[in-house]
Amino acid sequence: AKLLTVRPGRIRGYAMHKKQDDRICILYGAAQYVLYDDRETSPTYRLVQEVNIDEHGRAMLVIPAGVWHAVRNVGRQVAHPHVLG
């Protein structure tokens, strides 16, 4: 598990894992994840998706292996995404 820190207005990424899925939840703050599917056999191949999550509507975001992803802090405080890889 890894706890990231993303300051307001900042972006971290892009990253992609070839063999592991990421499971992400936001402990504090608000974040927007931008996903790009680079898996040739996927029905969403070459599509971009934006997912917004925050501390008030906590949810687990699962990013499959082979999907590029970046995170942007869209709140006013430091965001703390918790990554379970």
N, C-alpha and C. Protein backbone atom coordinates (compact mmCIF):
# COMPACT_ATOMS: atom_id res chain seq x y z
N ALA A 1 0.84 -1.18 0.00
CA ALA A 1 0.00 0.00 0.00
C ALA A 1 0.88 1.24 0.00
N LYS A 2 0.40 2.28 -0.67
CA LYS A 2 1.16 3.51 -0.77
C LYS A 2 0.21 4.69 -0.63
N LEU A 3 0.58 5.65 0.20
CA LEU A 3 -0.21 6.86 0.38
C LEU A 3 0.47 7.98 -0.41
N LEU A 4 -0.24 8.55 -1.38
CA LEU A 4 0.29 9.65 -2.17
C LEU A 4 -0.15 10.97 -1.59
N THR A 5 0.55 12.02 -1.94
CA THR A 5 0.16 13.38 -1.61
C THR A 5 0.11 14.16 -2.91
N VAL A 6 -1.04 14.82 -3.15
CA VAL A 6 -1.20 15.63 -4.35
C VAL A 6 -1.72 16.99 -3.90
N ARG A 7 -0.93 18.03 -4.13
CA ARG A 7 -1.31 19.37 -3.72
C ARG A 7 -2.42 19.93 -4.62
N PRO A 8 -3.19 20.89 -4.14
CA PRO A 8 -4.26 21.48 -4.95
C PRO A 8 -3.75 21.98 -6.31
N GLY A 9 -4.48 21.60 -7.36
CA GLY A 9 -4.12 22.02 -8.71
C GLY A 9 -3.01 21.21 -9.37
N ARG A 10 -2.39 20.32 -8.64
CA ARG A 10 -1.27 19.53 -9.18
C ARG A 10 -1.75 18.24 -9.82
N ILE A 11 -0.89 17.70 -10.70
CA ILE A 11 -1.16 16.44 -11.41
C ILE A 11 0.01 15.50 -11.17
N ARG A 12 -0.31 14.22 -10.94
CA ARG A 12 0.72 13.17 -10.86
C ARG A 12 0.38 12.10 -11.89
N GLY A 13 1.36 11.67 -12.64
CA GLY A 13 1.13 10.62 -13.63
C GLY A 13 1.71 11.10 -14.94
N TYR A 14 1.48 10.43 -15.92
CA TYR A 14 0.83 9.17 -16.19
C TYR A 14 1.70 8.00 -15.75
N ALA A 15 1.00 6.92 -15.35
CA ALA A 15 1.67 5.68 -14.97
C ALA A 15 0.84 4.53 -15.52
N MET A 16 1.50 3.41 -15.72
CA MET A 16 0.81 2.20 -16.19
C MET A 16 1.57 0.99 -15.67
N HIS A 17 0.82 0.01 -15.20
CA HIS A 17 1.43 -1.23 -14.74
C HIS A 17 1.06 -2.33 -15.73
N LYS A 18 2.03 -3.14 -16.08
CA LYS A 18 1.78 -4.21 -17.05
C LYS A 18 1.16 -5.45 -16.43
N LYS A 19 1.41 -5.69 -15.14
CA LYS A 19 0.96 -6.95 -14.54
C LYS A 19 0.08 -6.79 -13.31
N GLN A 20 -0.04 -5.59 -12.77
CA GLN A 20 -0.82 -5.45 -11.54
C GLN A 20 -1.95 -4.45 -11.72
N ASP A 21 -3.05 -4.71 -11.05
CA ASP A 21 -4.14 -3.76 -10.98
C ASP A 21 -3.88 -2.83 -9.79
N ASP A 22 -4.35 -1.58 -9.90
CA ASP A 22 -4.30 -0.67 -8.76
C ASP A 22 -5.70 -0.54 -8.20
N ARG A 23 -5.79 -0.49 -6.88
CA ARG A 23 -7.04 -0.21 -6.19
C ARG A 23 -6.81 1.06 -5.39
N ILE A 24 -7.64 2.07 -5.64
CA ILE A 24 -7.39 3.40 -5.09
C ILE A 24 -8.63 3.91 -4.38
N CYS A 25 -8.42 4.50 -3.22
CA CYS A 25 -9.49 5.25 -2.55
C CYS A 25 -8.89 6.57 -2.06
N ILE A 26 -9.73 7.58 -1.91
CA ILE A 26 -9.27 8.88 -1.44
C ILE A 26 -9.56 8.96 0.06
N LEU A 27 -8.52 9.13 0.86
CA LEU A 27 -8.69 9.26 2.30
C LEU A 27 -9.07 10.68 2.67
N TYR A 28 -8.45 11.66 2.02
CA TYR A 28 -8.72 13.07 2.28
C TYR A 28 -8.64 13.84 0.96
N GLY A 29 -9.53 14.82 0.80
CA GLY A 29 -9.48 15.67 -0.38
C GLY A 29 -10.35 15.17 -1.51
N ALA A 30 -10.09 15.72 -2.70
CA ALA A 30 -10.86 15.38 -3.90
C ALA A 30 -9.89 15.23 -5.07
N ALA A 31 -10.15 14.23 -5.90
CA ALA A 31 -9.23 13.96 -7.01
C ALA A 31 -10.00 13.54 -8.25
N GLN A 32 -9.39 13.83 -9.38
CA GLN A 32 -9.91 13.37 -10.67
C GLN A 32 -8.85 12.45 -11.28
N TYR A 33 -9.27 11.24 -11.63
CA TYR A 33 -8.39 10.31 -12.31
C TYR A 33 -8.73 10.33 -13.80
N VAL A 34 -7.70 10.39 -14.62
CA VAL A 34 -7.87 10.30 -16.07
C VAL A 34 -7.24 8.98 -16.49
N LEU A 35 -8.04 8.16 -17.16
CA LEU A 35 -7.62 6.81 -17.56
C LEU A 35 -7.58 6.72 -19.07
N TYR A 36 -6.54 6.07 -19.59
CA TYR A 36 -6.42 5.80 -21.02
C TYR A 36 -6.17 4.31 -21.19
N ASP A 37 -7.08 3.63 -21.88
CA ASP A 37 -7.00 2.17 -22.05
C ASP A 37 -6.09 1.83 -23.22
N ASP A 38 -4.96 1.20 -22.93
CA ASP A 38 -3.98 0.83 -23.95
C ASP A 38 -3.97 -0.68 -24.20
N ARG A 39 -5.05 -1.37 -23.79
CA ARG A 39 -5.13 -2.82 -23.96
C ARG A 39 -5.84 -3.13 -25.28
N GLU A 40 -5.11 -3.67 -26.24
CA GLU A 40 -5.64 -3.89 -27.59
C GLU A 40 -6.87 -4.78 -27.62
N THR A 41 -7.00 -5.70 -26.69
CA THR A 41 -8.14 -6.63 -26.70
C THR A 41 -9.33 -6.12 -25.89
N SER A 42 -9.23 -4.92 -25.36
CA SER A 42 -10.29 -4.37 -24.52
C SER A 42 -11.37 -3.68 -25.36
N PRO A 43 -12.64 -3.79 -24.95
CA PRO A 43 -13.69 -3.07 -25.66
C PRO A 43 -13.57 -1.55 -25.52
N THR A 44 -12.79 -1.08 -24.55
CA THR A 44 -12.59 0.36 -24.38
C THR A 44 -11.20 0.81 -24.85
N TYR A 45 -10.57 0.01 -25.71
CA TYR A 45 -9.24 0.31 -26.24
C TYR A 45 -9.20 1.72 -26.84
N ARG A 46 -8.19 2.48 -26.43
CA ARG A 46 -7.93 3.85 -26.87
C ARG A 46 -8.97 4.88 -26.42
N LEU A 47 -9.80 4.53 -25.46
CA LEU A 47 -10.75 5.49 -24.93
C LEU A 47 -10.18 6.15 -23.67
N VAL A 48 -10.62 7.38 -23.43
CA VAL A 48 -10.23 8.13 -22.24
C VAL A 48 -11.44 8.26 -21.34
N GLN A 49 -11.24 8.09 -20.04
CA GLN A 49 -12.32 8.23 -19.08
C GLN A 49 -11.83 9.08 -17.91
N GLU A 50 -12.70 9.94 -17.41
CA GLU A 50 -12.41 10.74 -16.22
C GLU A 50 -13.29 10.25 -15.08
N VAL A 51 -12.69 10.06 -13.91
CA VAL A 51 -13.42 9.58 -12.73
C VAL A 51 -13.10 10.52 -11.57
N ASN A 52 -14.13 11.08 -10.96
CA ASN A 52 -13.95 11.97 -9.81
C ASN A 52 -14.34 11.23 -8.53
N ILE A 53 -13.46 11.29 -7.53
CA ILE A 53 -13.74 10.70 -6.24
C ILE A 53 -13.25 11.64 -5.15
N ASP A 54 -13.93 11.60 -4.00
CA ASP A 54 -13.50 12.45 -2.88
C ASP A 54 -13.77 11.74 -1.56
N GLU A 55 -13.38 12.42 -0.49
CA GLU A 55 -13.49 11.82 0.84
C GLU A 55 -14.93 11.68 1.30
N HIS A 56 -15.86 12.41 0.71
CA HIS A 56 -17.25 12.36 1.14
C HIS A 56 -18.04 11.24 0.47
N GLY A 57 -17.66 10.90 -0.73
CA GLY A 57 -18.32 9.81 -1.45
C GLY A 57 -17.32 8.70 -1.69
N ARG A 58 -16.72 8.23 -0.63
CA ARG A 58 -15.63 7.25 -0.77
C ARG A 58 -16.06 6.05 -1.61
N ALA A 59 -15.15 5.67 -2.46
CA ALA A 59 -15.36 4.51 -3.33
C ALA A 59 -13.99 3.93 -3.66
N MET A 60 -13.98 2.70 -4.10
CA MET A 60 -12.75 2.05 -4.52
C MET A 60 -12.69 2.11 -6.04
N LEU A 61 -11.65 2.71 -6.58
CA LEU A 61 -11.42 2.78 -8.02
C LEU A 61 -10.42 1.69 -8.37
N VAL A 62 -10.81 0.80 -9.24
CA VAL A 62 -9.91 -0.28 -9.68
C VAL A 62 -9.43 0.06 -11.08
N ILE A 63 -8.11 0.16 -11.22
CA ILE A 63 -7.49 0.46 -12.52
C ILE A 63 -6.76 -0.80 -12.97
N PRO A 64 -7.26 -1.44 -14.04
CA PRO A 64 -6.66 -2.69 -14.50
C PRO A 64 -5.25 -2.50 -15.07
N ALA A 65 -4.47 -3.55 -15.02
CA ALA A 65 -3.16 -3.54 -15.66
C ALA A 65 -3.34 -3.17 -17.13
N GLY A 66 -2.42 -2.36 -17.64
CA GLY A 66 -2.48 -1.95 -19.05
C GLY A 66 -3.23 -0.65 -19.29
N VAL A 67 -3.77 -0.05 -18.23
CA VAL A 67 -4.49 1.21 -18.36
C VAL A 67 -3.62 2.33 -17.78
N TRP A 68 -3.31 3.33 -18.61
CA TRP A 68 -2.55 4.49 -18.17
C TRP A 68 -3.45 5.34 -17.29
N HIS A 69 -2.86 5.96 -16.25
CA HIS A 69 -3.66 6.78 -15.36
C HIS A 69 -2.84 7.91 -14.76
N ALA A 70 -3.54 9.02 -14.54
CA ALA A 70 -2.98 10.19 -13.87
C ALA A 70 -4.00 10.69 -12.87
N VAL A 71 -3.54 11.40 -11.86
CA VAL A 71 -4.44 11.94 -10.85
C VAL A 71 -4.21 13.45 -10.75
N ARG A 72 -5.31 14.19 -10.64
CA ARG A 72 -5.25 15.64 -10.47
C ARG A 72 -6.07 16.01 -9.24
N ASN A 73 -5.49 16.84 -8.39
CA ASN A 73 -6.21 17.32 -7.22
C ASN A 73 -7.18 18.40 -7.70
N VAL A 74 -8.47 18.18 -7.49
CA VAL A 74 -9.49 19.14 -7.91
C VAL A 74 -10.12 19.84 -6.70
N GLY A 75 -9.53 19.68 -5.54
CA GLY A 75 -10.05 20.30 -4.33
C GLY A 75 -9.20 21.46 -3.87
N ARG A 76 -9.51 21.93 -2.67
CA ARG A 76 -8.80 23.08 -2.10
C ARG A 76 -7.78 22.67 -1.04
N GLN A 77 -7.77 21.40 -0.69
CA GLN A 77 -6.81 20.91 0.29
C GLN A 77 -5.96 19.81 -0.33
N VAL A 78 -4.92 19.42 0.35
CA VAL A 78 -4.07 18.33 -0.13
C VAL A 78 -4.92 17.07 -0.23
N ALA A 79 -4.80 16.36 -1.34
CA ALA A 79 -5.50 15.08 -1.52
C ALA A 79 -4.56 13.95 -1.17
N HIS A 80 -5.12 12.91 -0.58
CA HIS A 80 -4.33 11.74 -0.18
C HIS A 80 -4.96 10.47 -0.76
N PRO A 81 -4.64 10.15 -2.02
CA PRO A 81 -5.08 8.86 -2.55
C PRO A 81 -4.28 7.73 -1.89
N HIS A 82 -4.99 6.70 -1.51
CA HIS A 82 -4.38 5.50 -0.93
C HIS A 82 -4.38 4.43 -2.01
N VAL A 83 -3.19 3.96 -2.40
CA VAL A 83 -3.06 3.01 -3.51
C VAL A 83 -2.71 1.64 -2.95
N LEU A 84 -3.56 0.67 -3.31
CA LEU A 84 -3.29 -0.73 -2.99
C LEU A 84 -2.97 -1.42 -4.31
N GLY A 85 -1.73 -1.77 -4.55
CA GLY A 85 -1.33 -2.34 -5.82
C GLY A 85 -1.28 -3.82 -5.83
